[in-house]
Amino acid sequence: MEILTENQAILAKGYQSTGVWCGIKRAKKDLALFFSEQSASVAGVFTTNAVKGAPVLVCQEHLAYGCGRAIVINSGNANTCTGPQGLADSRRMAQLAAEALGVCTQEVFPVSTGVIGVPLPMDKIARGISAAVDSLAAGQLGDAAEAILTTDLRPKVISVGFGPDKRYTLTGIAKGSGMIHPNMATMLAFLLTDAPIGSAPLQSLLKEVTDETFNMISVDGDTSTNDTVLAFANGAAGGEPILLDSEVYAQLRAAFLAACTYLAKEIARDGEGASKLITIEVRGARNRQEARLAARSISRSNLVKTAIYGADANWGRVLCAVGYSGIDLELEKVKMSIGGLEVFAGGVPLPFDETCAREVLSQAEVTITVDLGVGSAGATAYTCDFTEDYVKINASYRS
């Protein structure tokens, strides 16, 4: 595989993208458009929150159509809890893009992110879609990646070359910084590939990879209303349709896993107010479900997150989170290390150098490893530290 990130990432064949300012935000780009030059297979995974944004409902409707041509995204306004008008506005958003691009409305997926409970300014949306379509030919991937951001500090972009002679490309773009917790987080991700694969296997692949990546991140324990992951596969790079259990499918899956893992980690790293990325590795579990439960329990513990922020090797908080995760724990078999320092084994604490621990925990990336000692299954989760800045950001989000 060939992996390129940030400014080096490239767009898969047969796609165009752009990002423009339409006036929802005061000055920053706030409307993005991705367009496939030919019909694409499509797959989607969405929030499990019972309160769903209007665009989520419309995307789910359009997913049943079976193919896609475009994704239009606005930031700064979630179009959630806006009643029948909100639903009509999301449908209108798709219709406006479809008419401007000359495609079917059901082939356009409208996505929104931002403040809840505020009607979409459809006059601004309409002007933005017109400007975006006009700028597609000259649009840059970075413009689109910037236009979908809310409280994010930086865009999140990756491209992965894979397959025979790296024939195929997968491009991934995401946003997410706060309200991050499975299943999923306040996050958007768009995965565009030029590989030829049908919608049914693409849907299965997307759900599987999402469970391993985006559903294993947490910033603050809040699951949002608009979380959306969409995947397009337009086959523009040619070749025979990719079949399950083929070597090329395995390479496609590896590309999706690499892209989504990178994007998930970048979302956690860019958590609101965060100063450190925390990786939680759980090993030696009886099964994958228990490994995931333990890892996710640690990742959502504010006591663990504040300890890491303070560079305090308070391993008891980690063990406590494992204990209330719901797994069948055999404490005397557990081993634990923080930042590579062994702190617990055999049911008792291990001596460690506090000065060394503080130095390790002061790094920008910290790894917590827990070996449950009862099996061979494992799981990895990602989170970030919890700082005063998180409170400041969310105390004035609407203003």
Protein backbone atom coordinates (compact mmCIF):
# COMPACT_ATOMS: atom_id res chain seq x y z
CA MET A 1 0.00 0.00 0.00
CA GLU A 2 1.01 3.59 -0.56
CA ILE A 3 -0.31 5.92 2.15
CA LEU A 4 -0.39 9.70 1.76
CA THR A 5 -1.81 12.07 4.37
CA GLU A 6 -2.72 15.72 4.77
CA ASN A 7 -1.51 17.88 1.86
CA GLN A 8 0.00 14.88 0.05
CA ALA A 9 -3.27 12.93 -0.18
CA ILE A 10 -4.84 12.58 -3.63
CA LEU A 11 -8.39 12.11 -4.85
CA ALA A 12 -9.37 8.74 -6.29
CA LYS A 13 -9.96 8.60 -10.05
CA GLY A 14 -13.26 9.83 -11.40
CA TYR A 15 -14.06 12.18 -8.50
CA GLN A 16 -14.07 15.94 -8.09
CA SER A 17 -14.29 17.92 -4.87
CA THR A 18 -14.48 21.47 -3.65
CA GLY A 19 -15.21 23.61 -0.62
CA VAL A 20 -16.70 27.11 -0.51
CA TRP A 21 -17.99 29.71 1.92
CA CYS A 22 -21.78 30.17 1.78
CA GLY A 23 -22.30 32.31 4.88
CA ILE A 24 -23.37 29.88 7.61
CA LYS A 25 -20.07 30.57 9.37
CA ARG A 26 -18.75 34.07 9.78
CA ALA A 27 -15.77 33.67 7.48
CA LYS A 28 -14.54 30.07 7.08
CA LYS A 29 -15.51 27.64 4.32
CA ASP A 30 -18.74 25.88 5.26
CA LEU A 31 -20.03 23.93 2.26
CA ALA A 32 -18.29 20.99 0.59
CA LEU A 33 -19.15 18.92 -2.45
CA PHE A 34 -17.85 15.55 -3.64
CA PHE A 35 -18.90 14.42 -7.11
CA SER A 36 -18.40 11.12 -8.91
CA GLU A 37 -18.20 11.47 -12.68
CA GLN A 38 -19.96 8.12 -13.07
CA SER A 39 -22.46 6.17 -11.04
CA ALA A 40 -20.95 4.67 -7.90
CA SER A 41 -21.84 1.85 -5.55
CA VAL A 42 -22.68 3.35 -2.17
CA ALA A 43 -22.70 2.29 1.48
CA GLY A 44 -23.46 4.12 4.70
CA VAL A 45 -23.27 3.79 8.47
CA PHE A 46 -25.07 6.25 10.72
CA THR A 47 -25.56 7.31 14.33
CA THR A 48 -27.45 5.01 16.68
CA ASN A 49 -28.81 7.99 18.62
CA ALA A 50 -32.63 7.90 18.73
CA VAL A 51 -32.52 11.64 17.93
CA LYS A 52 -31.35 11.72 14.33
CA GLY A 53 -30.69 14.78 12.22
CA ALA A 54 -32.85 15.33 9.12
CA PRO A 55 -29.90 14.69 6.76
CA VAL A 56 -29.29 11.28 8.36
CA LEU A 57 -32.88 10.29 7.62
CA VAL A 58 -32.62 11.49 4.03
CA CYS A 59 -29.28 9.71 3.50
CA GLN A 60 -30.84 6.49 4.78
CA GLU A 61 -33.70 6.94 2.30
CA HIS A 62 -31.32 7.57 -0.59
CA LEU A 63 -29.12 4.62 0.35
CA ALA A 64 -31.96 2.32 -0.68
CA TYR A 65 -31.64 3.69 -4.25
CA GLY A 66 -28.44 1.68 -4.54
CA CYS A 67 -26.08 4.11 -6.22
CA GLY A 68 -24.64 7.57 -5.71
CA ARG A 69 -23.13 10.49 -7.59
CA ALA A 70 -22.57 13.24 -5.03
CA ILE A 71 -22.28 14.19 -1.37
CA VAL A 72 -23.09 17.76 -0.33
CA ILE A 73 -22.13 18.83 3.19
CA ASN A 74 -22.70 21.99 5.17
CA SER A 75 -20.99 22.79 8.47
CA GLY A 76 -22.10 25.17 11.20
CA ASN A 77 -25.70 23.92 11.28
CA ALA A 78 -26.75 20.32 12.04
CA ASN A 79 -30.35 20.65 10.79
CA THR A 80 -31.46 18.49 13.73
CA CYS A 81 -34.64 18.80 15.81
CA THR A 82 -36.00 21.13 13.14
CA GLY A 83 -39.24 19.23 12.46
CA PRO A 84 -40.87 18.64 9.06
CA GLN A 85 -39.21 21.79 7.69
CA GLY A 86 -35.78 20.38 8.48
CA LEU A 87 -36.58 17.21 6.58
CA ALA A 88 -37.87 19.23 3.64
CA ASP A 89 -34.71 21.37 3.72
CA SER A 90 -32.42 18.33 3.58
CA ARG A 91 -34.37 16.95 0.64
CA ARG A 92 -34.21 20.36 -1.03
CA MET A 93 -30.46 20.47 -0.44
CA ALA A 94 -30.10 17.18 -2.33
CA GLN A 95 -32.44 18.36 -5.07
CA LEU A 96 -30.55 21.61 -5.62
CA ALA A 97 -27.25 19.75 -5.98
CA ALA A 98 -28.83 17.14 -8.25
CA GLU A 99 -30.29 19.75 -10.59
CA ALA A 100 -27.01 21.64 -10.79
CA LEU A 101 -25.05 18.45 -11.48
CA GLY A 102 -27.59 16.87 -13.83
CA VAL A 103 -28.15 13.71 -11.75
CA CYS A 104 -31.06 12.12 -9.87
CA THR A 105 -31.95 13.57 -6.47
CA GLN A 106 -31.72 10.10 -4.88
CA GLU A 107 -28.09 9.91 -6.02
CA VAL A 108 -27.16 12.91 -3.85
CA PHE A 109 -26.47 12.50 -0.14
CA PRO A 110 -27.03 15.65 1.98
CA VAL A 111 -25.01 15.91 5.20
CA SER A 112 -25.00 18.59 7.89
CA THR A 113 -22.98 19.21 11.05
CA GLY A 114 -22.99 21.97 13.64
CA VAL A 115 -25.47 23.54 16.05
CA ILE A 116 -28.66 21.60 16.83
CA GLY A 117 -32.12 23.17 16.68
CA VAL A 118 -31.53 25.94 14.14
CA PRO A 119 -33.26 25.88 10.73
CA LEU A 120 -30.99 25.69 7.69
CA PRO A 121 -30.57 29.07 5.94
CA MET A 122 -31.67 27.67 2.59
CA ASP A 123 -30.94 30.86 0.66
CA LYS A 124 -27.30 30.59 1.70
CA ILE A 125 -27.25 26.84 1.05
CA ALA A 126 -28.62 27.38 -2.47
CA ARG A 127 -26.00 30.00 -3.29
CA GLY A 128 -23.29 27.78 -1.82
CA ILE A 129 -24.30 24.75 -3.88
CA SER A 130 -24.30 26.85 -7.04
CA ALA A 131 -20.84 28.20 -6.24
CA ALA A 132 -19.55 24.74 -5.36
CA VAL A 133 -20.73 23.20 -8.62
CA ASP A 134 -19.16 26.08 -10.55
CA SER A 135 -15.84 25.55 -8.78
CA LEU A 136 -15.68 21.75 -9.03
CA ALA A 137 -13.23 21.67 -11.93
CA ALA A 138 -10.68 23.75 -10.04
CA GLY A 139 -11.60 22.54 -6.57
CA GLN A 140 -8.99 21.08 -4.25
CA LEU A 141 -9.36 18.17 -1.85
CA GLY A 142 -8.08 20.38 0.94
CA ASP A 143 -10.87 22.90 0.34
CA ALA A 144 -13.51 20.22 0.86
CA ALA A 145 -11.73 18.85 3.93
CA GLU A 146 -11.64 22.35 5.44
CA ALA A 147 -15.29 23.13 4.66
CA ILE A 148 -16.68 20.23 6.74
CA LEU A 149 -14.91 21.23 9.98
CA THR A 150 -16.60 22.62 13.09
CA THR A 151 -14.46 22.84 16.25
CA ASP A 152 -11.71 20.78 14.63
CA LEU A 153 -8.28 22.38 14.65
CA ARG A 154 -7.12 20.71 11.44
CA PRO A 155 -8.44 18.79 8.42
CA LYS A 156 -8.18 15.00 8.35
CA VAL A 157 -7.33 13.51 4.95
CA ILE A 158 -5.67 10.32 3.71
CA SER A 159 -5.27 8.43 0.45
CA VAL A 160 -4.26 4.79 0.11
CA GLY A 161 -2.98 3.20 -3.08
CA PHE A 162 -3.65 -0.54 -3.23
CA GLY A 163 -4.22 -3.52 -5.50
CA PRO A 164 -2.05 -4.78 -8.35
CA ASP A 165 0.59 -2.13 -9.09
CA LYS A 166 -1.35 0.19 -6.75
CA ARG A 167 -3.97 0.43 -9.46
CA TYR A 168 -6.68 1.59 -7.10
CA THR A 169 -6.96 4.56 -4.75
CA LEU A 170 -9.05 5.08 -1.64
CA THR A 171 -9.45 8.66 -0.42
CA GLY A 172 -10.69 9.31 3.11
CA ILE A 173 -11.85 12.63 4.56
CA ALA A 174 -13.22 13.11 8.07
CA LYS A 175 -14.21 15.66 10.69
CA GLY A 176 -14.74 15.27 14.40
CA SER A 177 -13.50 16.87 17.60
CA GLY A 178 -16.23 16.89 20.24
CA MET A 179 -19.38 14.86 21.04
CA ILE A 180 -17.27 11.84 20.18
CA HIS A 181 -18.29 8.41 21.43
CA PRO A 182 -19.46 5.14 19.85
CA ASN A 183 -21.73 4.39 18.19
CA MET A 184 -20.58 6.63 16.46
CA ALA A 185 -19.25 10.03 17.39
CA THR A 186 -20.02 13.61 16.22
CA MET A 187 -18.10 12.74 13.18
CA LEU A 188 -18.40 12.62 9.45
CA ALA A 189 -16.27 10.47 7.19
CA PHE A 190 -16.33 10.06 3.43
CA LEU A 191 -14.48 7.22 1.71
CA LEU A 192 -14.15 7.45 -2.06
CA THR A 193 -12.54 4.68 -4.10
CA ASP A 194 -12.11 4.08 -7.81
CA ALA A 195 -12.20 0.31 -7.29
CA PRO A 196 -15.08 -1.72 -8.78
CA ILE A 197 -17.19 -3.32 -6.04
CA GLY A 198 -20.94 -3.67 -5.61
CA SER A 199 -23.02 -1.87 -3.00
CA ALA A 200 -23.83 -5.00 -0.96
CA PRO A 201 -20.22 -6.10 -0.33
CA LEU A 202 -19.23 -2.45 0.13
CA GLN A 203 -21.88 -2.05 2.84
CA SER A 204 -20.66 -5.17 4.63
CA LEU A 205 -17.06 -3.99 4.44
CA LEU A 206 -17.88 -0.48 5.67
CA LYS A 207 -19.83 -1.71 8.69
CA GLU A 208 -17.09 -4.17 9.63
CA VAL A 209 -14.29 -1.60 9.38
CA THR A 210 -16.35 1.09 11.13
CA ASP A 211 -16.83 -1.24 14.10
CA GLU A 212 -13.05 -1.67 14.36
CA THR A 213 -12.17 2.00 14.00
CA PHE A 214 -14.73 4.80 14.33
CA ASN A 215 -16.69 2.81 16.90
CA MET A 216 -13.56 2.52 19.04
CA ILE A 217 -12.96 6.22 19.66
CA SER A 218 -14.21 8.45 22.45
CA VAL A 219 -13.52 12.04 23.39
CA ASP A 220 -16.25 12.93 25.85
CA GLY A 221 -18.78 10.09 26.04
CA ASP A 222 -21.46 11.88 23.99
CA THR A 223 -22.98 10.19 20.94
CA SER A 224 -24.21 12.71 18.41
CA THR A 225 -27.27 13.05 16.19
CA ASN A 226 -25.69 13.45 12.76
CA ASP A 227 -22.85 10.91 12.64
CA THR A 228 -22.42 9.68 9.08
CA VAL A 229 -19.90 7.52 7.25
CA LEU A 230 -20.45 7.21 3.51
CA ALA A 231 -18.47 5.15 1.02
CA PHE A 232 -18.54 5.45 -2.77
CA ALA A 233 -16.95 3.01 -5.24
CA ASN A 234 -17.19 4.20 -8.86
CA GLY A 235 -14.92 1.66 -10.62
CA ALA A 236 -13.19 4.42 -12.57
CA ALA A 237 -9.83 2.62 -12.34
CA GLY A 238 -11.25 -0.30 -14.30
CA GLY A 239 -10.89 -4.00 -13.76
CA GLU A 240 -13.29 -6.81 -12.98
CA PRO A 241 -15.74 -6.43 -10.09
CA ILE A 242 -14.01 -7.24 -6.81
CA LEU A 243 -15.41 -10.40 -5.24
CA LEU A 244 -15.47 -11.43 -1.61
CA ASP A 245 -12.65 -13.79 -0.58
CA SER A 246 -10.47 -12.63 -3.48
CA GLU A 247 -6.93 -11.33 -3.00
CA VAL A 248 -7.93 -7.90 -4.28
CA TYR A 249 -10.81 -7.79 -1.77
CA ALA A 250 -8.33 -8.48 1.03
CA GLN A 251 -6.24 -5.56 -0.24
CA LEU A 252 -9.34 -3.35 -0.46
CA ARG A 253 -10.24 -4.24 3.13
CA ALA A 254 -6.69 -3.50 4.27
CA ALA A 255 -6.89 -0.10 2.56
CA PHE A 256 -10.21 0.72 4.24
CA LEU A 257 -8.85 -0.40 7.61
CA ALA A 258 -5.70 1.70 7.21
CA ALA A 259 -7.63 4.80 6.14
CA CYS A 260 -10.30 4.53 8.83
CA THR A 261 -7.76 3.77 11.57
CA TYR A 262 -5.79 6.86 10.62
CA LEU A 263 -8.89 9.05 10.52
CA ALA A 264 -10.20 7.66 13.82
CA LYS A 265 -6.90 8.37 15.55
CA GLU A 266 -6.79 11.89 14.10
CA ILE A 267 -10.30 12.56 15.41
CA ALA A 268 -9.25 11.45 18.89
CA ARG A 269 -5.99 13.40 18.67
CA ASP A 270 -7.97 16.50 17.68
CA GLY A 271 -10.47 16.15 20.54
CA GLU A 272 -11.74 19.44 21.86
CA GLY A 273 -9.12 20.92 24.17
CA ALA A 274 -6.95 17.80 23.93
CA SER A 275 -3.18 17.82 24.34
CA LYS A 276 -2.51 14.06 24.10
CA LEU A 277 -3.64 11.07 22.05
CA ILE A 278 -4.27 8.01 24.24
CA THR A 279 -4.19 4.52 22.75
CA ILE A 280 -5.73 1.73 24.83
CA GLU A 281 -4.65 -1.81 23.96
CA VAL A 282 -6.51 -4.68 25.62
CA ARG A 283 -5.03 -8.14 25.15
CA GLY A 284 -5.59 -11.62 26.51
CA ALA A 285 -9.38 -11.40 26.55
CA ARG A 286 -11.73 -14.39 26.27
CA ASN A 287 -13.30 -12.96 23.15
CA ARG A 288 -13.39 -9.82 21.04
CA GLN A 289 -16.57 -8.54 22.69
CA GLU A 290 -15.00 -8.52 26.16
CA ALA A 291 -11.82 -6.91 24.80
CA ARG A 292 -13.91 -4.14 23.22
CA LEU A 293 -15.93 -3.62 26.40
CA ALA A 294 -12.81 -3.23 28.50
CA ALA A 295 -11.03 -0.93 26.03
CA ARG A 296 -14.06 1.31 25.57
CA SER A 297 -14.68 1.48 29.30
CA ILE A 298 -11.17 2.84 29.83
CA SER A 299 -11.50 5.25 26.92
CA ARG A 300 -14.59 6.93 28.35
CA SER A 301 -13.29 7.31 31.91
CA ASN A 302 -12.86 10.99 32.71
CA LEU A 303 -10.72 10.03 35.70
CA VAL A 304 -8.29 8.19 33.43
CA LYS A 305 -8.30 11.07 30.94
CA THR A 306 -7.63 13.72 33.59
CA ALA A 307 -4.83 11.62 35.11
CA ILE A 308 -3.11 11.40 31.74
CA TYR A 309 -3.54 15.15 31.31
CA GLY A 310 -1.75 15.65 34.63
CA ALA A 311 0.96 13.09 33.73
CA ASP A 312 -0.10 11.12 36.80
CA ALA A 313 0.42 7.33 36.54
CA ASN A 314 -2.76 6.66 38.51
CA TRP A 315 -3.16 3.08 37.27
CA GLY A 316 -5.92 2.39 39.79
CA ARG A 317 -8.31 4.45 37.67
CA VAL A 318 -7.59 2.25 34.66
CA LEU A 319 -8.14 -0.94 36.63
CA CYS A 320 -11.35 0.51 38.08
CA ALA A 321 -12.68 1.19 34.55
CA VAL A 322 -11.94 -2.38 33.53
CA GLY A 323 -13.72 -3.59 36.65
CA TYR A 324 -17.00 -1.83 35.85
CA SER A 325 -16.88 -2.63 32.12
CA GLY A 326 -19.08 -5.69 32.60
CA ILE A 327 -16.53 -8.37 31.72
CA ASP A 328 -15.80 -11.39 33.91
CA LEU A 329 -12.50 -10.21 35.43
CA GLU A 330 -9.89 -12.45 37.07
CA LEU A 331 -7.81 -9.81 38.82
CA GLU A 332 -4.84 -12.03 39.70
CA LYS A 333 -4.27 -12.71 35.98
CA VAL A 334 -4.27 -9.05 34.88
CA LYS A 335 -1.09 -7.27 33.81
CA MET A 336 -0.99 -3.54 33.11
CA SER A 337 1.49 -1.03 31.75
CA ILE A 338 1.22 2.71 31.15
CA GLY A 339 3.56 4.27 28.65
CA GLY A 340 5.58 1.05 28.63
CA LEU A 341 6.05 1.03 32.41
CA GLU A 342 4.71 -2.09 34.12
CA VAL A 343 2.53 -1.02 37.04
CA PHE A 344 0.38 -4.01 37.99
CA ALA A 345 0.57 -7.83 37.81
CA GLY A 346 -0.51 -10.86 39.80
CA GLY A 347 -3.13 -8.92 41.70
CA VAL A 348 -0.63 -6.49 43.23
CA PRO A 349 1.04 -3.19 42.27
CA LEU A 350 4.56 -3.18 40.86
CA PRO A 351 7.19 -0.61 41.87
CA PHE A 352 8.03 1.97 39.19
CA ASP A 353 9.97 5.21 38.92
CA GLU A 354 7.53 8.12 39.37
CA THR A 355 9.87 10.59 37.65
CA CYS A 356 10.21 8.31 34.64
CA ALA A 357 6.44 7.82 34.59
CA ARG A 358 5.83 11.56 34.55
CA GLU A 359 8.25 11.98 31.63
CA VAL A 360 6.53 9.22 29.65
CA LEU A 361 3.06 10.58 30.38
CA SER A 362 4.10 14.08 29.33
CA GLN A 363 4.53 12.92 25.72
CA ALA A 364 2.02 13.80 23.00
CA GLU A 365 1.04 10.12 22.65
CA VAL A 366 0.47 7.71 25.53
CA THR A 367 -0.33 4.00 25.34
CA ILE A 368 -2.15 2.05 28.07
CA THR A 369 -1.86 -1.73 27.79
CA VAL A 370 -4.01 -4.17 29.75
CA ASP A 371 -3.49 -7.94 29.42
CA LEU A 372 -6.49 -9.75 30.92
CA GLY A 373 -4.64 -13.06 30.90
CA VAL A 374 -7.62 -15.28 30.12
CA GLY A 375 -7.56 -15.71 26.33
CA SER A 376 -6.11 -14.53 23.02
CA ALA A 377 -8.58 -11.86 21.83
CA GLY A 378 -7.77 -8.16 21.76
CA ALA A 379 -9.08 -4.72 20.84
CA THR A 380 -7.71 -1.19 20.54
CA ALA A 381 -9.51 2.02 21.44
CA TYR A 382 -8.48 5.67 21.08
CA THR A 383 -9.23 8.68 23.21
CA CYS A 384 -7.58 11.90 24.38
CA ASP A 385 -6.88 13.65 27.66
CA PHE A 386 -9.51 15.84 29.31
CA THR A 387 -8.40 19.44 29.83
CA GLU A 388 -9.82 22.76 31.02
CA ASP A 389 -10.07 23.85 27.39
CA TYR A 390 -12.77 21.24 26.70
CA VAL A 391 -15.01 22.98 29.23
CA LYS A 392 -14.24 26.42 27.80
CA ILE A 393 -15.06 25.32 24.23
CA ASN A 394 -18.37 23.70 25.17
CA ALA A 395 -19.45 26.40 27.59
CA SER A 396 -19.85 28.79 24.65
CA TYR A 397 -20.39 26.49 21.63
CA ARG A 398 -23.48 28.30 20.31
CA SER A 399 -21.83 31.71 20.60
